[in-house]
Amino acid sequence: AYSVGMSPLLVFRRIVLPQVSLSTAPSLVNQFTVIVKSSTLVSVITVQDLMFQSQKIVNIWYEPIEILTATAAIYIVIVFVVSTAGKALADRLRYRYGIALA
């Protein structure tokens, strides 16, 4: 790339970044999914997350089954959306560059 006169920024953008995107996209999506699933652990560090708010509502309304089921459904939707977006990204990269992803 340098021999045909490309600048370092153009080399990074046109050659390096697509290759890095191909190899890291599945891992990044998987890591984000794990973070979403384990975000209930954040409440231990006193950060108010979805599960913490659900527990507060359970303490007020005394209906744990309905509230926690709704919370689980929200988590499932979030993970499904992230997984679907990751699969779409991987398919797009595979189609665009013709490389099989792990």
PDB file of N, CA and C in Angstrom:
ATOM      1  N   ALA A   1       0.822  -1.190   0.000  1.00  0.00           N
ATOM      2  CA  ALA A   1       0.000   0.000   0.000  1.00  0.00           C
ATOM      3  C   ALA A   1       0.866   1.254   0.000  1.00  0.00           C
ATOM      4  N   TYR A   2       1.959   1.197   0.781  1.00  0.00           N
ATOM      5  CA  TYR A   2       2.847   2.352   0.807  1.00  0.00           C
ATOM      6  C   TYR A   2       3.541   2.540  -0.540  1.00  0.00           C
ATOM      7  N   SER A   3       3.793   1.440  -1.240  1.00  0.00           N
ATOM      8  CA  SER A   3       4.509   1.538  -2.517  1.00  0.00           C
ATOM      9  C   SER A   3       3.667   2.190  -3.609  1.00  0.00           C
ATOM     10  N   VAL A   4       2.332   2.173  -3.464  1.00  0.00           N
ATOM     11  CA  VAL A   4       1.486   2.843  -4.450  1.00  0.00           C
ATOM     12  C   VAL A   4       1.090   4.241  -3.998  1.00  0.00           C
ATOM     13  N   GLY A   5       1.677   4.712  -2.884  1.00  0.00           N
ATOM     14  CA  GLY A   5       1.481   6.085  -2.470  1.00  0.00           C
ATOM     15  C   GLY A   5       0.365   6.335  -1.472  1.00  0.00           C
ATOM     16  N   MET A   6      -0.101   5.307  -0.812  1.00  0.00           N
ATOM     17  CA  MET A   6      -1.151   5.516   0.196  1.00  0.00           C
ATOM     18  C   MET A   6      -0.543   6.087   1.473  1.00  0.00           C
ATOM     19  N   SER A   7      -1.287   6.982   2.100  1.00  0.00           N
ATOM     20  CA  SER A   7      -0.842   7.544   3.368  1.00  0.00           C
ATOM     21  C   SER A   7      -1.080   6.522   4.483  1.00  0.00           C
ATOM     22  N   PRO A   8      -0.400   6.686   5.626  1.00  0.00           N
ATOM     23  CA  PRO A   8      -0.611   5.740   6.728  1.00  0.00           C
ATOM     24  C   PRO A   8      -2.070   5.674   7.191  1.00  0.00           C
ATOM     25  N   LEU A   9      -2.763   6.803   7.191  1.00  0.00           N
ATOM     26  CA  LEU A   9      -4.170   6.804   7.593  1.00  0.00           C
ATOM     27  C   LEU A   9      -5.029   6.036   6.590  1.00  0.00           C
ATOM     28  N   LEU A  10      -4.754   6.220   5.315  1.00  0.00           N
ATOM     29  CA  LEU A  10      -5.502   5.505   4.281  1.00  0.00           C
ATOM     30  C   LEU A  10      -5.206   4.003   4.320  1.00  0.00           C
ATOM     31  N   VAL A  11      -3.969   3.646   4.602  1.00  0.00           N
ATOM     32  CA  VAL A  11      -3.614   2.228   4.742  1.00  0.00           C
ATOM     33  C   VAL A  11      -4.389   1.621   5.901  1.00  0.00           C
ATOM     34  N   PHE A  12      -4.440   2.337   7.012  1.00  0.00           N
ATOM     35  CA  PHE A  12      -5.177   1.829   8.168  1.00  0.00           C
ATOM     36  C   PHE A  12      -6.653   1.670   7.838  1.00  0.00           C
ATOM     37  N   ARG A  13      -7.229   2.687   7.193  1.00  0.00           N
ATOM     38  CA  ARG A  13      -8.665   2.671   6.909  1.00  0.00           C
ATOM     39  C   ARG A  13      -9.049   1.643   5.854  1.00  0.00           C
ATOM     40  N   ARG A  14      -8.254   1.477   4.832  1.00  0.00           N
ATOM     41  CA  ARG A  14      -8.624   0.605   3.715  1.00  0.00           C
ATOM     42  C   ARG A  14      -8.124  -0.831   3.845  1.00  0.00           C
ATOM     43  N   ILE A  15      -7.039  -1.042   4.600  1.00  0.00           N
ATOM     44  CA  ILE A  15      -6.443  -2.378   4.638  1.00  0.00           C
ATOM     45  C   ILE A  15      -6.496  -2.989   6.037  1.00  0.00           C
ATOM     46  N   VAL A  16      -6.005  -2.266   7.021  1.00  0.00           N
ATOM     47  CA  VAL A  16      -5.896  -2.835   8.365  1.00  0.00           C
ATOM     48  C   VAL A  16      -7.250  -2.937   9.045  1.00  0.00           C
ATOM     49  N   LEU A  17      -8.037  -1.878   9.031  1.00  0.00           N
ATOM     50  CA  LEU A  17      -9.316  -1.860   9.743  1.00  0.00           C
ATOM     51  C   LEU A  17     -10.296  -2.935   9.270  1.00  0.00           C
ATOM     52  N   PRO A  18     -10.463  -3.170   7.967  1.00  0.00           N
ATOM     53  CA  PRO A  18     -11.368  -4.257   7.563  1.00  0.00           C
ATOM     54  C   PRO A  18     -10.920  -5.630   8.064  1.00  0.00           C
ATOM     55  N   GLN A  19      -9.619  -5.879   8.067  1.00  0.00           N
ATOM     56  CA  GLN A  19      -9.131  -7.172   8.542  1.00  0.00           C
ATOM     57  C   GLN A  19      -9.329  -7.324  10.042  1.00  0.00           C
ATOM     58  N   VAL A  20      -9.093  -6.250  10.780  1.00  0.00           N
ATOM     59  CA  VAL A  20      -9.298  -6.293  12.225  1.00  0.00           C
ATOM     60  C   VAL A  20     -10.780  -6.443  12.537  1.00  0.00           C
ATOM     61  N   SER A  21     -11.630  -5.754  11.792  1.00  0.00           N
ATOM     62  CA  SER A  21     -13.075  -5.854  12.009  1.00  0.00           C
ATOM     63  C   SER A  21     -13.565  -7.277  11.792  1.00  0.00           C
ATOM     64  N   LEU A  22     -13.042  -7.929  10.780  1.00  0.00           N
ATOM     65  CA  LEU A  22     -13.455  -9.301  10.491  1.00  0.00           C
ATOM     66  C   LEU A  22     -13.104 -10.248  11.626  1.00  0.00           C
ATOM     67  N   SER A  23     -11.934 -10.089  12.179  1.00  0.00           N
ATOM     68  CA  SER A  23     -11.508 -11.046  13.192  1.00  0.00           C
ATOM     69  C   SER A  23     -12.044 -10.732  14.580  1.00  0.00           C
ATOM     70  N   THR A  24     -12.378  -9.476  14.863  1.00  0.00           N
ATOM     71  CA  THR A  24     -12.806  -9.130  16.219  1.00  0.00           C
ATOM     72  C   THR A  24     -14.310  -8.958  16.387  1.00  0.00           C
ATOM     73  N   ALA A  25     -15.063  -8.833  15.317  1.00  0.00           N
ATOM     74  CA  ALA A  25     -16.506  -8.583  15.440  1.00  0.00           C
ATOM     75  C   ALA A  25     -17.230  -9.665  16.232  1.00  0.00           C
ATOM     76  N   PRO A  26     -17.043 -10.945  15.950  1.00  0.00           N
ATOM     77  CA  PRO A  26     -17.757 -11.954  16.742  1.00  0.00           C
ATOM     78  C   PRO A  26     -17.381 -11.929  18.224  1.00  0.00           C
ATOM     79  N   SER A  27     -16.110 -11.703  18.515  1.00  0.00           N
ATOM     80  CA  SER A  27     -15.672 -11.658  19.908  1.00  0.00           C
ATOM     81  C   SER A  27     -16.258 -10.461  20.639  1.00  0.00           C
ATOM     82  N   LEU A  28     -16.311  -9.318  19.970  1.00  0.00           N
ATOM     83  CA  LEU A  28     -16.871  -8.125  20.597  1.00  0.00           C
ATOM     84  C   LEU A  28     -18.358  -8.279  20.879  1.00  0.00           C
ATOM     85  N   VAL A  29     -19.085  -8.868  19.947  1.00  0.00           N
ATOM     86  CA  VAL A  29     -20.516  -9.096  20.160  1.00  0.00           C
ATOM     87  C   VAL A  29     -20.723 -10.067  21.308  1.00  0.00           C
ATOM     88  N   ASN A  30     -19.936 -11.125  21.350  1.00  0.00           N
ATOM     89  CA  ASN A  30     -20.037 -12.091  22.434  1.00  0.00           C
ATOM     90  C   ASN A  30     -19.725 -11.438  23.773  1.00  0.00           C
ATOM     91  N   GLN A  31     -18.704 -10.618  23.831  1.00  0.00           N
ATOM     92  CA  GLN A  31     -18.332  -9.951  25.077  1.00  0.00           C
ATOM     93  C   GLN A  31     -19.425  -8.985  25.521  1.00  0.00           C
ATOM     94  N   PHE A  32     -20.022  -8.261  24.591  1.00  0.00           N
ATOM     95  CA  PHE A  32     -21.100  -7.351  24.950  1.00  0.00           C
ATOM     96  C   PHE A  32     -22.302  -8.114  25.493  1.00  0.00           C
ATOM     97  N   THR A  33     -22.594  -9.271  24.904  1.00  0.00           N
ATOM     98  CA  THR A  33     -23.693 -10.097  25.393  1.00  0.00           C
ATOM     99  C   THR A  33     -23.415 -10.575  26.811  1.00  0.00           C
ATOM    100  N   VAL A  34     -22.197 -10.976  27.090  1.00  0.00           N
ATOM    101  CA  VAL A  34     -21.829 -11.410  28.440  1.00  0.00           C
ATOM    102  C   VAL A  34     -21.960 -10.253  29.421  1.00  0.00           C
ATOM    103  N   ILE A  35     -21.569  -9.070  29.004  1.00  0.00           N
ATOM    104  CA  ILE A  35     -21.683  -7.900  29.878  1.00  0.00           C
ATOM    105  C   ILE A  35     -23.144  -7.606  30.197  1.00  0.00           C
ATOM    106  N   VAL A  36     -24.011  -7.690  29.207  1.00  0.00           N
ATOM    107  CA  VAL A  36     -25.437  -7.450  29.443  1.00  0.00           C
ATOM    108  C   VAL A  36     -25.998  -8.492  30.398  1.00  0.00           C
ATOM    109  N   LYS A  37     -25.623  -9.753  30.197  1.00  0.00           N
ATOM    110  CA  LYS A  37     -26.134 -10.819  31.055  1.00  0.00           C
ATOM    111  C   LYS A  37     -25.635 -10.685  32.487  1.00  0.00           C
ATOM    112  N   SER A  38     -24.418 -10.219  32.663  1.00  0.00           N
ATOM    113  CA  SER A  38     -23.861 -10.125  34.010  1.00  0.00           C
ATOM    114  C   SER A  38     -24.001  -8.736  34.614  1.00  0.00           C
ATOM    115  N   SER A  39     -24.773  -7.875  33.995  1.00  0.00           N
ATOM    116  CA  SER A  39     -24.911  -6.516  34.522  1.00  0.00           C
ATOM    117  C   SER A  39     -25.664  -6.475  35.841  1.00  0.00           C
ATOM    118  N   THR A  40     -26.331  -7.562  36.198  1.00  0.00           N
ATOM    119  CA  THR A  40     -26.985  -7.581  37.507  1.00  0.00           C
ATOM    120  C   THR A  40     -25.959  -7.567  38.622  1.00  0.00           C
ATOM    121  N   LEU A  41     -24.734  -7.958  38.332  1.00  0.00           N
ATOM    122  CA  LEU A  41     -23.681  -7.897  39.338  1.00  0.00           C
ATOM    123  C   LEU A  41     -23.285  -6.462  39.650  1.00  0.00           C
ATOM    124  N   VAL A  42     -23.632  -5.549  38.780  1.00  0.00           N
ATOM    125  CA  VAL A  42     -23.306  -4.140  38.987  1.00  0.00           C
ATOM    126  C   VAL A  42     -24.032  -3.592  40.209  1.00  0.00           C
ATOM    127  N   SER A  43     -25.185  -4.143  40.519  1.00  0.00           N
ATOM    128  CA  SER A  43     -25.948  -3.638  41.661  1.00  0.00           C
ATOM    129  C   SER A  43     -25.203  -3.842  42.970  1.00  0.00           C
ATOM    130  N   VAL A  44     -24.261  -4.773  43.002  1.00  0.00           N
ATOM    131  CA  VAL A  44     -23.452  -4.977  44.200  1.00  0.00           C
ATOM    132  C   VAL A  44     -22.569  -3.761  44.439  1.00  0.00           C
ATOM    133  N   ILE A  45     -22.193  -3.075  43.376  1.00  0.00           N
ATOM    134  CA  ILE A  45     -21.328  -1.903  43.487  1.00  0.00           C
ATOM    135  C   ILE A  45     -22.172  -0.633  43.606  1.00  0.00           C
ATOM    136  N   THR A  46     -23.412  -0.759  43.927  1.00  0.00           N
ATOM    137  CA  THR A  46     -24.393   0.314  44.142  1.00  0.00           C
ATOM    138  C   THR A  46     -24.687   1.146  42.898  1.00  0.00           C
ATOM    139  N   VAL A  47     -24.509   0.593  41.740  1.00  0.00           N
ATOM    140  CA  VAL A  47     -24.965   1.248  40.523  1.00  0.00           C
ATOM    141  C   VAL A  47     -26.364   0.724  40.243  1.00  0.00           C
ATOM    142  N   GLN A  48     -27.294   1.621  40.028  1.00  0.00           N
ATOM    143  CA  GLN A  48     -28.675   1.192  39.837  1.00  0.00           C
ATOM    144  C   GLN A  48     -28.870   0.688  38.415  1.00  0.00           C
ATOM    145  N   ASP A  49     -29.124  -0.595  38.297  1.00  0.00           N
ATOM    146  CA  ASP A  49     -29.386  -1.181  36.995  1.00  0.00           C
ATOM    147  C   ASP A  49     -30.826  -1.680  36.954  1.00  0.00           C
ATOM    148  N   LEU A  50     -31.151  -2.409  35.911  1.00  0.00           N
ATOM    149  CA  LEU A  50     -32.515  -2.900  35.714  1.00  0.00           C
ATOM    150  C   LEU A  50     -32.958  -3.825  36.843  1.00  0.00           C
ATOM    151  N   MET A  51     -32.097  -4.742  37.252  1.00  0.00           N
ATOM    152  CA  MET A  51     -32.465  -5.684  38.310  1.00  0.00           C
ATOM    153  C   MET A  51     -32.665  -4.970  39.643  1.00  0.00           C
ATOM    154  N   PHE A  52     -31.828  -3.991  39.923  1.00  0.00           N
ATOM    155  CA  PHE A  52     -31.963  -3.236  41.165  1.00  0.00           C
ATOM    156  C   PHE A  52     -33.292  -2.486  41.194  1.00  0.00           C
ATOM    157  N   GLN A  53     -33.646  -1.873  40.086  1.00  0.00           N
ATOM    158  CA  GLN A  53     -34.924  -1.167  40.014  1.00  0.00           C
ATOM    159  C   GLN A  53     -36.089  -2.137  40.162  1.00  0.00           C
ATOM    160  N   SER A  54     -35.945  -3.329  39.592  1.00  0.00           N
ATOM    161  CA  SER A  54     -37.002  -4.336  39.726  1.00  0.00           C
ATOM    162  C   SER A  54     -37.185  -4.741  41.180  1.00  0.00           C
ATOM    163  N   GLN A  55     -36.093  -4.905  41.885  1.00  0.00           N
ATOM    164  CA  GLN A  55     -36.189  -5.266  43.302  1.00  0.00           C
ATOM    165  C   GLN A  55     -36.864  -4.156  44.109  1.00  0.00           C
ATOM    166  N   LYS A  56     -36.584  -2.913  43.757  1.00  0.00           N
ATOM    167  CA  LYS A  56     -37.254  -1.806  44.444  1.00  0.00           C
ATOM    168  C   LYS A  56     -38.757  -1.848  44.198  1.00  0.00           C
ATOM    169  N   ILE A  57     -39.165  -2.146  42.963  1.00  0.00           N
ATOM    170  CA  ILE A  57     -40.593  -2.219  42.641  1.00  0.00           C
ATOM    171  C   ILE A  57     -41.235  -3.402  43.346  1.00  0.00           C
ATOM    172  N   VAL A  58     -40.527  -4.532  43.422  1.00  0.00           N
ATOM    173  CA  VAL A  58     -41.048  -5.701  44.145  1.00  0.00           C
ATOM    174  C   VAL A  58     -41.277  -5.351  45.606  1.00  0.00           C
ATOM    175  N   ASN A  59     -40.368  -4.612  46.205  1.00  0.00           N
ATOM    176  CA  ASN A  59     -40.522  -4.227  47.612  1.00  0.00           C
ATOM    177  C   ASN A  59     -41.707  -3.292  47.835  1.00  0.00           C
ATOM    178  N   ILE A  60     -42.088  -2.552  46.815  1.00  0.00           N
ATOM    179  CA  ILE A  60     -43.228  -1.644  46.946  1.00  0.00           C
ATOM    180  C   ILE A  60     -44.536  -2.364  46.652  1.00  0.00           C
ATOM    181  N   TRP A  61     -44.602  -3.144  45.568  1.00  0.00           N
ATOM    182  CA  TRP A  61     -45.861  -3.739  45.112  1.00  0.00           C
ATOM    183  C   TRP A  61     -46.105  -5.147  45.629  1.00  0.00           C
ATOM    184  N   TYR A  62     -45.070  -5.842  46.084  1.00  0.00           N
ATOM    185  CA  TYR A  62     -45.191  -7.218  46.591  1.00  0.00           C
ATOM    186  C   TYR A  62     -45.745  -8.182  45.545  1.00  0.00           C
ATOM    187  N   GLU A  63     -45.322  -8.038  44.306  1.00  0.00           N
ATOM    188  CA  GLU A  63     -45.700  -8.953  43.225  1.00  0.00           C
ATOM    189  C   GLU A  63     -44.426  -9.389  42.495  1.00  0.00           C
ATOM    190  N   PRO A  64     -43.647 -10.268  43.123  1.00  0.00           N
ATOM    191  CA  PRO A  64     -42.337 -10.593  42.542  1.00  0.00           C
ATOM    192  C   PRO A  64     -42.402 -11.375  41.234  1.00  0.00           C
ATOM    193  N   ILE A  65     -43.373 -12.272  41.096  1.00  0.00           N
ATOM    194  CA  ILE A  65     -43.422 -13.115  39.894  1.00  0.00           C
ATOM    195  C   ILE A  65     -43.590 -12.258  38.643  1.00  0.00           C
ATOM    196  N   GLU A  66     -44.563 -11.369  38.654  1.00  0.00           N
ATOM    197  CA  GLU A  66     -44.848 -10.556  37.476  1.00  0.00           C
ATOM    198  C   GLU A  66     -43.692  -9.614  37.145  1.00  0.00           C
ATOM    199  N   ILE A  67     -43.161  -8.972  38.164  1.00  0.00           N
ATOM    200  CA  ILE A  67     -42.124  -7.970  37.946  1.00  0.00           C
ATOM    201  C   ILE A  67     -40.819  -8.622  37.487  1.00  0.00           C
ATOM    202  N   LEU A  68     -40.434  -9.708  38.142  1.00  0.00           N
ATOM    203  CA  LEU A  68     -39.187 -10.370  37.761  1.00  0.00           C
ATOM    204  C   LEU A  68     -39.304 -11.086  36.417  1.00  0.00           C
ATOM    205  N   THR A  69     -40.501 -11.546  36.082  1.00  0.00           N
ATOM    206  CA  THR A  69     -40.712 -12.123  34.752  1.00  0.00           C
ATOM    207  C   THR A  69     -40.567 -11.053  33.677  1.00  0.00           C
ATOM    208  N   ALA A  70     -41.123  -9.884  33.931  1.00  0.00           N
ATOM    209  CA  ALA A  70     -40.975  -8.777  32.983  1.00  0.00           C
ATOM    210  C   ALA A  70     -39.510  -8.360  32.862  1.00  0.00           C
ATOM    211  N   THR A  71     -38.795  -8.351  33.978  1.00  0.00           N
ATOM    212  CA  THR A  71     -37.373  -8.012  33.949  1.00  0.00           C
ATOM    213  C   THR A  71     -36.587  -9.031  33.128  1.00  0.00           C
ATOM    214  N   ALA A  72     -36.885 -10.307  33.333  1.00  0.00           N
ATOM    215  CA  ALA A  72     -36.212 -11.355  32.555  1.00  0.00           C
ATOM    216  C   ALA A  72     -36.520 -11.204  31.066  1.00  0.00           C
ATOM    217  N   ALA A  73     -37.759 -10.860  30.750  1.00  0.00           N
ATOM    218  CA  ALA A  73     -38.137 -10.666  29.348  1.00  0.00           C
ATOM    219  C   ALA A  73     -37.360  -9.500  28.734  1.00  0.00           C
ATOM    220  N   ILE A  74     -37.176  -8.440  29.499  1.00  0.00           N
ATOM    221  CA  ILE A  74     -36.410  -7.293  29.002  1.00  0.00           C
ATOM    222  C   ILE A  74     -34.964  -7.700  28.729  1.00  0.00           C
ATOM    223  N   TYR A  75     -34.360  -8.454  29.663  1.00  0.00           N
ATOM    224  CA  TYR A  75     -32.995  -8.937  29.446  1.00  0.00           C
ATOM    225  C   TYR A  75     -32.916  -9.830  28.213  1.00  0.00           C
ATOM    226  N   ILE A  76     -33.896 -10.702  28.030  1.00  0.00           N
ATOM    227  CA  ILE A  76     -33.899 -11.595  26.868  1.00  0.00           C
ATOM    228  C   ILE A  76     -33.993 -10.791  25.579  1.00  0.00           C
ATOM    229  N   VAL A  77     -34.834  -9.761  25.568  1.00  0.00           N
ATOM    230  CA  VAL A  77     -34.964  -8.919  24.374  1.00  0.00           C
ATOM    231  C   VAL A  77     -33.651  -8.198  24.078  1.00  0.00           C
ATOM    232  N   ILE A  78     -33.010  -7.665  25.111  1.00  0.00           N
ATOM    233  CA  ILE A  78     -31.744  -6.962  24.909  1.00  0.00           C
ATOM    234  C   ILE A  78     -30.695  -7.904  24.328  1.00  0.00           C
ATOM    235  N   VAL A  79     -30.568  -9.098  24.915  1.00  0.00           N
ATOM    236  CA  VAL A  79     -29.576 -10.059  24.434  1.00  0.00           C
ATOM    237  C   VAL A  79     -29.914 -10.523  23.018  1.00  0.00           C
ATOM    238  N   PHE A  80     -31.202 -10.719  22.730  1.00  0.00           N
ATOM    239  CA  PHE A  80     -31.609 -11.135  21.387  1.00  0.00           C
ATOM    240  C   PHE A  80     -31.257 -10.066  20.357  1.00  0.00           C
ATOM    241  N   VAL A  81     -31.526  -8.809  20.688  1.00  0.00           N
ATOM    242  CA  VAL A  81     -31.220  -7.716  19.757  1.00  0.00           C
ATOM    243  C   VAL A  81     -29.717  -7.625  19.510  1.00  0.00           C
ATOM    244  N   VAL A  82     -28.930  -7.720  20.583  1.00  0.00           N
ATOM    245  CA  VAL A  82     -27.478  -7.644  20.431  1.00  0.00           C
ATOM    246  C   VAL A  82     -26.958  -8.825  19.608  1.00  0.00           C
ATOM    247  N   SER A  83     -27.451 -10.017  19.883  1.00  0.00           N
ATOM    248  CA  SER A  83     -27.012 -11.198  19.136  1.00  0.00           C
ATOM    249  C   SER A  83     -27.410 -11.114  17.668  1.00  0.00           C
ATOM    250  N   THR A  84     -28.620 -10.661  17.402  1.00  0.00           N
ATOM    251  CA  THR A  84     -29.077 -10.528  16.021  1.00  0.00           C
ATOM    252  C   THR A  84     -28.266  -9.472  15.274  1.00  0.00           C
ATOM    253  N   ALA A  85     -27.993  -8.355  15.941  1.00  0.00           N
ATOM    254  CA  ALA A  85     -27.176  -7.316  15.315  1.00  0.00           C
ATOM    255  C   ALA A  85     -25.765  -7.829  15.046  1.00  0.00           C
ATOM    256  N   GLY A  86     -25.222  -8.594  15.974  1.00  0.00           N
ATOM    257  CA  GLY A  86     -23.895  -9.171  15.774  1.00  0.00           C
ATOM    258  C   GLY A  86     -23.858 -10.152  14.623  1.00  0.00           C
ATOM    259  N   LYS A  87     -24.891 -10.968  14.505  1.00  0.00           N
ATOM    260  CA  LYS A  87     -24.957 -11.919  13.393  1.00  0.00           C
ATOM    261  C   LYS A  87     -25.098 -11.174  12.068  1.00  0.00           C
ATOM    262  N   ALA A  88     -25.909 -10.120  12.059  1.00  0.00           N
ATOM    263  CA  ALA A  88     -26.063  -9.333  10.836  1.00  0.00           C
ATOM    264  C   ALA A  88     -24.743  -8.669  10.448  1.00  0.00           C
ATOM    265  N   LEU A  89     -24.017  -8.170  11.438  1.00  0.00           N
ATOM    266  CA  LEU A  89     -22.714  -7.562  11.164  1.00  0.00           C
ATOM    267  C   LEU A  89     -21.739  -8.595  10.616  1.00  0.00           C
ATOM    268  N   ALA A  90     -21.714  -9.773  11.221  1.00  0.00           N
ATOM    269  CA  ALA A  90     -20.817 -10.827  10.744  1.00  0.00           C
ATOM    270  C   ALA A  90     -21.184 -11.261   9.329  1.00  0.00           C
ATOM    271  N   ASP A  91     -22.474 -11.394   9.054  1.00  0.00           N
ATOM    272  CA  ASP A  91     -22.910 -11.769   7.704  1.00  0.00           C
ATOM    273  C   ASP A  91     -22.531 -10.698   6.687  1.00  0.00           C
ATOM    274  N   ARG A  92     -22.686  -9.450   7.082  1.00  0.00           N
ATOM    275  CA  ARG A  92     -22.340  -8.349   6.177  1.00  0.00           C
ATOM    276  C   ARG A  92     -20.844  -8.333   5.886  1.00  0.00           C
ATOM    277  N   LEU A  93     -20.038  -8.522   6.937  1.00  0.00           N
ATOM    278  CA  LEU A  93     -18.594  -8.556   6.730  1.00  0.00           C
ATOM    279  C   LEU A  93     -18.190  -9.763   5.891  1.00  0.00           C
ATOM    280  N   ARG A  94     -18.829 -10.899   6.148  1.00  0.00           N
ATOM    281  CA  ARG A  94     -18.522 -12.109   5.380  1.00  0.00           C
ATOM    282  C   ARG A  94     -18.878 -11.900   3.906  1.00  0.00           C
ATOM    283  N   TYR A  95     -20.029 -11.295   3.645  1.00  0.00           N
ATOM    284  CA  TYR A  95     -20.456 -11.056   2.259  1.00  0.00           C
ATOM    285  C   TYR A  95     -19.546 -10.038   1.579  1.00  0.00           C
ATOM    286  N   ARG A  96     -19.206  -8.981   2.322  1.00  0.00           N
ATOM    287  CA  ARG A  96     -18.433  -7.897   1.720  1.00  0.00           C
ATOM    288  C   ARG A  96     -16.998  -8.313   1.404  1.00  0.00           C
ATOM    289  N   TYR A  97     -16.390  -9.071   2.328  1.00  0.00           N
ATOM    290  CA  TYR A  97     -14.985  -9.417   2.145  1.00  0.00           C
ATOM    291  C   TYR A  97     -14.764 -10.876   1.767  1.00  0.00           C
ATOM    292  N   GLY A  98     -15.822 -11.688   1.814  1.00  0.00           N
ATOM    293  CA  GLY A  98     -15.713 -13.072   1.378  1.00  0.00           C
ATOM    294  C   GLY A  98     -14.840 -13.943   2.246  1.00  0.00           C
ATOM    295  N   ILE A  99     -14.790 -13.622   3.539  1.00  0.00           N
ATOM    296  CA  ILE A  99     -13.941 -14.382   4.451  1.00  0.00           C
ATOM    297  C   ILE A  99     -14.824 -15.045   5.494  1.00  0.00           C
ATOM    298  N   ALA A 100     -14.561 -16.309   5.777  1.00  0.00           N
ATOM    299  CA  ALA A 100     -15.323 -17.018   6.807  1.00  0.00           C
ATOM    300  C   ALA A 100     -14.862 -16.561   8.180  1.00  0.00           C
ATOM    301  N   LEU A 101     -15.824 -16.353   9.069  1.00  0.00           N
ATOM    302  CA  LEU A 101     -15.514 -15.923  10.425  1.00  0.00           C
ATOM    303  C   LEU A 101     -15.583 -17.102  11.369  1.00  0.00           C
ATOM    304  N   ALA A 102     -14.794 -17.047  12.420  1.00  0.00           N
ATOM    305  CA  ALA A 102     -14.801 -18.128  13.418  1.00  0.00           C
ATOM    306  C   ALA A 102     -15.972 -17.987  14.354  1.00  0.00           C
TER     307      ALA A 102
END
